[in-house]
Amino acid sequence: MENDYAIVIGVEYYEGIHPLAGPHGDLERFLAWIKDEAGGNIKDDNIKTFISTPTFTPAG
């Protein structure tokens, strides 16, 4: 939808603990659903995605 927006965050890496198994895959499946016409039907331009890496974790 034209006026729908999404912020999707996948955090797999946390300081001081072993990486989690799954958040990035979950994020990819959720993105596929929100983009699908039968799901959220949100345009790519209206989606912002943050994914943690071993050297970057989104912080508030």
C-alpha atoms as a PDB file:
ATOM      1  CA  MET A   1       0.000   0.000   0.000  1.00  0.00           C
ATOM      2  CA  GLU A   2       1.153   3.484  -0.829  1.00  0.00           C
ATOM      3  CA  ASN A   3       0.911   4.893   2.712  1.00  0.00           C
ATOM      4  CA  ASP A   4       2.193   1.829   4.583  1.00  0.00           C
ATOM      5  CA  TYR A   5       5.747   1.709   5.906  1.00  0.00           C
ATOM      6  CA  ALA A   6       7.892  -0.843   7.714  1.00  0.00           C
ATOM      7  CA  ILE A   7      11.075  -0.814   9.759  1.00  0.00           C
ATOM      8  CA  VAL A   8      12.497  -4.320  10.032  1.00  0.00           C
ATOM      9  CA  ILE A   9      15.387  -5.113  12.382  1.00  0.00           C
ATOM     10  CA  GLY A  10      17.307  -8.382  12.576  1.00  0.00           C
ATOM     11  CA  VAL A  11      19.786  -8.655  15.435  1.00  0.00           C
ATOM     12  CA  GLU A  12      21.871 -11.806  15.397  1.00  0.00           C
ATOM     13  CA  TYR A  13      24.993 -10.441  17.052  1.00  0.00           C
ATOM     14  CA  TYR A  14      25.043  -9.149  20.614  1.00  0.00           C
ATOM     15  CA  GLU A  15      28.140  -7.934  22.384  1.00  0.00           C
ATOM     16  CA  GLY A  16      29.518 -10.516  24.758  1.00  0.00           C
ATOM     17  CA  ILE A  17      27.465 -13.553  23.672  1.00  0.00           C
ATOM     18  CA  HIS A  18      27.548 -16.086  20.851  1.00  0.00           C
ATOM     19  CA  PRO A  19      25.623 -15.146  17.692  1.00  0.00           C
ATOM     20  CA  LEU A  20      22.024 -16.291  17.592  1.00  0.00           C
ATOM     21  CA  ALA A  21      20.962 -18.734  14.892  1.00  0.00           C
ATOM     22  CA  GLY A  22      17.931 -17.542  13.022  1.00  0.00           C
ATOM     23  CA  PRO A  23      17.221 -13.802  13.191  1.00  0.00           C
ATOM     24  CA  HIS A  24      18.562 -13.042   9.703  1.00  0.00           C
ATOM     25  CA  GLY A  25      16.535 -15.880   8.157  1.00  0.00           C
ATOM     26  CA  ASP A  26      13.457 -14.715  10.059  1.00  0.00           C
ATOM     27  CA  LEU A  27      14.024 -11.191   8.749  1.00  0.00           C
ATOM     28  CA  GLU A  28      14.265 -12.423   5.146  1.00  0.00           C
ATOM     29  CA  ARG A  29      11.034 -14.447   5.459  1.00  0.00           C
ATOM     30  CA  PHE A  30       9.231 -11.507   7.077  1.00  0.00           C
ATOM     31  CA  LEU A  31      10.442  -9.149   4.336  1.00  0.00           C
ATOM     32  CA  ALA A  32       9.134 -11.547   1.687  1.00  0.00           C
ATOM     33  CA  TRP A  33       5.749 -11.587   3.432  1.00  0.00           C
ATOM     34  CA  ILE A  34       5.399  -7.814   3.855  1.00  0.00           C
ATOM     35  CA  LYS A  35       6.295  -7.277   0.186  1.00  0.00           C
ATOM     36  CA  ASP A  36       3.891  -9.945  -1.085  1.00  0.00           C
ATOM     37  CA  GLU A  37       0.470  -8.822  -2.351  1.00  0.00           C
ATOM     38  CA  ALA A  38      -1.153 -11.476  -0.130  1.00  0.00           C
ATOM     39  CA  GLY A  39       0.839 -10.229   2.875  1.00  0.00           C
ATOM     40  CA  GLY A  40       1.572  -6.612   3.714  1.00  0.00           C
ATOM     41  CA  ASN A  41       1.863  -5.452   0.086  1.00  0.00           C
ATOM     42  CA  ILE A  42       4.387  -2.789   1.110  1.00  0.00           C
ATOM     43  CA  LYS A  43       6.534  -1.170  -1.590  1.00  0.00           C
ATOM     44  CA  ASP A  44      10.330  -1.573  -1.381  1.00  0.00           C
ATOM     45  CA  ASP A  45      10.739   2.208  -1.144  1.00  0.00           C
ATOM     46  CA  ASN A  46       8.653   2.172   2.058  1.00  0.00           C
ATOM     47  CA  ILE A  47      10.751  -0.437   3.857  1.00  0.00           C
ATOM     48  CA  LYS A  48      13.869   0.271   5.913  1.00  0.00           C
ATOM     49  CA  THR A  49      15.913  -2.730   7.033  1.00  0.00           C
ATOM     50  CA  PHE A  50      18.653  -2.954   9.664  1.00  0.00           C
ATOM     51  CA  ILE A  51      20.665  -6.166   9.975  1.00  0.00           C
ATOM     52  CA  SER A  52      23.404  -6.733  12.528  1.00  0.00           C
ATOM     53  CA  THR A  53      26.792  -8.054  11.444  1.00  0.00           C
ATOM     54  CA  PRO A  54      29.806  -9.169  13.478  1.00  0.00           C
ATOM     55  CA  THR A  55      31.095  -5.569  13.349  1.00  0.00           C
ATOM     56  CA  PHE A  56      27.778  -3.645  13.440  1.00  0.00           C
ATOM     57  CA  THR A  57      24.819  -3.940  15.781  1.00  0.00           C
ATOM     58  CA  PRO A  58      22.035  -1.331  15.498  1.00  0.00           C
ATOM     59  CA  ALA A  59      21.939   0.616  18.749  1.00  0.00           C
ATOM     60  CA  GLY A  60      19.333   2.933  20.170  1.00  0.00           C
END
